[in-house]
Amino acid sequence: MSDSPHATTAVVSAKGGVGKTTTAVNLGAALAVRGHTVLVVDLDCQASASLSLGLKRHQLAPSSADVLLRSEAAGPPGGAEHDEIHGSDLHF
């Protein structure tokens, strides 16, 4: 990882069951505890990272696949203007 104030780290593997989600979520949490601003992007269709970070299934629509592949509008489900994940600084 870089000491730059803006670094990008990807956790990627085509093989399943190798710990990508666990690594990404725990790395993000560890960096956040150290005061870093962290964005975890969950592109997995199972949404395991999103669920691990406290999102509920009803908050996961549209999916990243819907937005990237089907040109659906991104934003909170149901047109809500604001949604909050309790216990975090994550706001929509």
Foldseek 3Di string as FASTA:
>chain_A
DDPDLDDDDAQDDPDPPPCSLVVQLVVQVVVVVVPRDDDDQDQDPVCPNVVVQQDDPQQCPPDPCCCPPVVDDDDGPPPDPWDDRPPDPDMD
